[in-house]
Protein backbone atom coordinates (compact mmCIF):
# COMPACT_ATOMS: atom_id res chain seq x y z
CA MET A 1 -6.00 17.63 38.74
CA ASP A 2 -6.45 16.69 35.68
CA GLU A 3 -5.74 13.03 35.81
CA VAL A 4 -6.68 12.11 32.11
CA LEU A 5 -3.80 14.68 31.12
CA LEU A 6 -1.58 13.60 33.73
CA GLY A 7 -1.98 9.90 32.42
CA LYS A 8 -1.44 11.06 28.66
CA ALA A 9 2.18 13.05 29.88
CA ASP A 10 3.11 9.97 31.94
CA ILE A 11 2.71 7.75 28.99
CA ILE A 12 4.21 9.98 26.42
CA GLU A 13 7.78 10.41 29.53
CA ARG A 14 7.99 6.74 29.91
CA CYS A 15 7.80 6.45 25.52
CA LEU A 16 10.39 8.90 25.30
CA GLN A 17 12.55 6.99 27.99
CA ARG A 18 12.51 3.78 26.34
CA ILE A 19 13.06 5.36 23.24
CA GLU A 20 15.89 7.19 23.91
CA THR A 21 17.53 4.01 26.21
CA VAL A 22 16.79 2.35 22.69
CA TYR A 23 17.94 4.74 19.84
CA ILE A 24 20.83 6.17 22.05
CA GLY A 25 24.15 4.63 21.70
CA SER A 26 23.35 2.60 18.60
CA GLU A 27 22.18 5.13 15.80
CA ASN A 28 23.74 3.74 13.26
CA GLU A 29 21.32 0.24 13.84
CA LEU A 30 18.61 1.83 13.48
CA GLU A 31 18.05 0.70 9.52
CA THR A 32 19.94 -2.74 10.07
CA ASN A 33 17.99 -3.85 13.92
CA TYR A 34 15.05 -4.85 13.47
CA ILE A 35 13.78 -5.50 16.63
CA LYS A 36 15.40 -1.58 17.88
CA GLN A 37 13.17 -0.11 14.68
CA ASP A 38 9.99 -1.88 16.14
CA SER A 39 10.61 -0.60 19.64
CA ILE A 40 11.02 2.68 18.63
CA ILE A 41 8.14 3.08 16.27
CA LEU A 42 5.94 1.42 19.01
CA ASN A 43 6.83 4.38 20.97
CA ILE A 44 6.79 6.98 18.62
CA GLN A 45 3.39 5.35 17.93
CA ARG A 46 2.05 5.32 21.47
CA MET A 47 3.23 8.67 22.15
CA CYS A 48 0.99 9.59 18.80
CA GLU A 49 -1.50 7.94 20.26
CA ALA A 50 -1.39 9.71 23.73
CA SER A 51 -1.31 12.95 22.25
CA ILE A 52 -4.16 12.64 20.28
CA GLY A 53 -5.96 11.19 22.73
CA ALA A 54 -4.81 14.81 25.15
CA ALA A 55 -5.70 17.01 22.28
CA MET A 56 -9.11 14.94 21.85
CA HIS A 57 -9.69 15.83 26.02
CA ILE A 58 -8.85 19.51 25.58
CA VAL A 59 -10.82 20.22 22.71
CA ARG A 60 -13.78 18.79 25.26
CA CYS A 61 -13.24 20.61 28.41
CA HIS A 62 -12.33 24.06 26.49
CA LYS A 63 -15.64 23.51 24.13
CA LEU A 64 -13.22 24.54 21.27
CA GLY A 65 -16.26 22.02 18.58
CA ILE A 66 -16.18 18.67 17.64
CA PRO A 67 -12.85 17.91 15.26
CA ARG A 68 -13.45 15.60 11.97
CA ASP A 69 -10.24 14.27 12.35
CA SER A 70 -7.08 13.99 14.87
CA ARG A 71 -5.27 16.26 12.78
CA GLN A 72 -7.96 18.80 13.24
CA ALA A 73 -8.10 18.45 16.70
CA PHE A 74 -4.25 20.39 17.01
CA THR A 75 -5.11 22.87 14.88
CA MET A 76 -8.41 23.70 16.67
CA LEU A 77 -5.45 23.80 20.35
CA VAL A 78 -3.42 26.03 17.72
CA ASN A 79 -6.70 28.19 17.00
CA ALA A 80 -7.01 28.44 20.64
CA LYS A 81 -3.70 29.35 21.21
CA LEU A 82 -3.39 26.68 23.72
CA ILE A 83 -0.38 25.72 21.76
CA ASP A 84 2.13 26.99 18.99
CA LYS A 85 1.42 26.58 15.48
CA GLN A 86 4.98 24.93 15.38
CA LEU A 87 4.23 21.70 17.86
CA GLY A 88 0.79 21.82 15.96
CA GLU A 89 2.12 21.64 12.81
CA TYR A 90 5.07 18.71 14.06
CA LEU A 91 1.63 17.36 15.96
CA GLU A 92 -0.26 17.14 12.53
CA ALA A 93 2.56 15.65 10.87
CA MET A 94 2.74 12.76 13.81
CA VAL A 95 -0.80 11.79 13.15
CA GLY A 96 0.46 10.82 9.08
CA PHE A 97 3.78 8.61 10.73
CA ARG A 98 1.27 6.97 12.97
CA ASN A 99 -1.26 6.04 10.35
CA VAL A 100 1.38 4.93 7.78
CA ALA A 101 2.37 2.79 11.24
CA VAL A 102 -0.58 1.26 12.15
CA HIS A 103 -2.50 1.08 8.99
CA ASN A 104 0.56 -0.08 6.54
CA TYR A 105 0.09 2.45 3.82
CA THR A 106 3.67 2.21 2.35
CA GLU A 107 6.89 0.82 3.90
CA ILE A 108 7.85 3.15 6.60
CA ASN A 109 11.25 5.50 5.88
CA MET A 110 14.51 5.06 8.18
CA GLU A 111 15.30 8.52 7.45
CA VAL A 112 11.39 9.79 8.25
CA VAL A 113 12.18 8.22 11.72
CA ARG A 114 15.82 9.38 12.00
CA GLY A 115 14.66 12.79 11.67
CA ILE A 116 11.54 12.14 14.01
CA LEU A 117 13.93 11.22 16.61
CA ASN A 118 17.05 13.72 16.15
CA GLU A 119 14.46 17.08 15.75
CA HIS A 120 11.23 16.37 17.08
CA MET A 121 11.76 14.43 20.35
CA ASP A 122 12.19 17.90 22.39
CA ASP A 123 8.67 19.01 20.55
CA MET A 124 7.52 15.36 22.48
CA LYS A 125 8.96 16.66 25.78
CA ALA A 126 7.07 20.25 25.47
CA PHE A 127 3.83 18.86 24.74
CA SER A 128 3.91 16.88 27.96
CA ARG A 129 4.99 19.62 29.93
CA LEU A 130 1.69 21.49 28.62
CA LEU A 131 -0.38 18.86 29.36
CA ILE A 132 1.24 18.84 32.74
CA LYS A 133 0.87 22.41 32.90
CA GLN A 134 -3.10 21.86 31.75
CA SER A 135 -3.69 19.57 34.17
CA LEU A 136 -2.63 21.60 37.38
CA PRO A 137 -6.47 23.62 38.44
């Protein structure tokens, strides 16, 4: 078993649960409740970091090369047919969101956050399941 991938999957699952706890039932508070915003954005960031770490680990284990940046790690997984193109593109976009959140390049657009919450949580669940599957011998 690959403990690294299991650990990353666990982080993603935990973040998904925390986001669901904070967001579901109070969706209309996203723009006005800064504590909920911070919690949600922090957990999206953590999921992204765990996904990047997992992608880098898979790239290394499968000897796919050396990615020049985080986004390229996901491209390498797509090219190796370890993840599908749509999931790879979403994960690459998450890297961009993470960069905005971490480095404060621009103010975070709550519509983008809402889009992630309403349209892409299943993508993170799918990636977590893939990590668990990849971790098995």
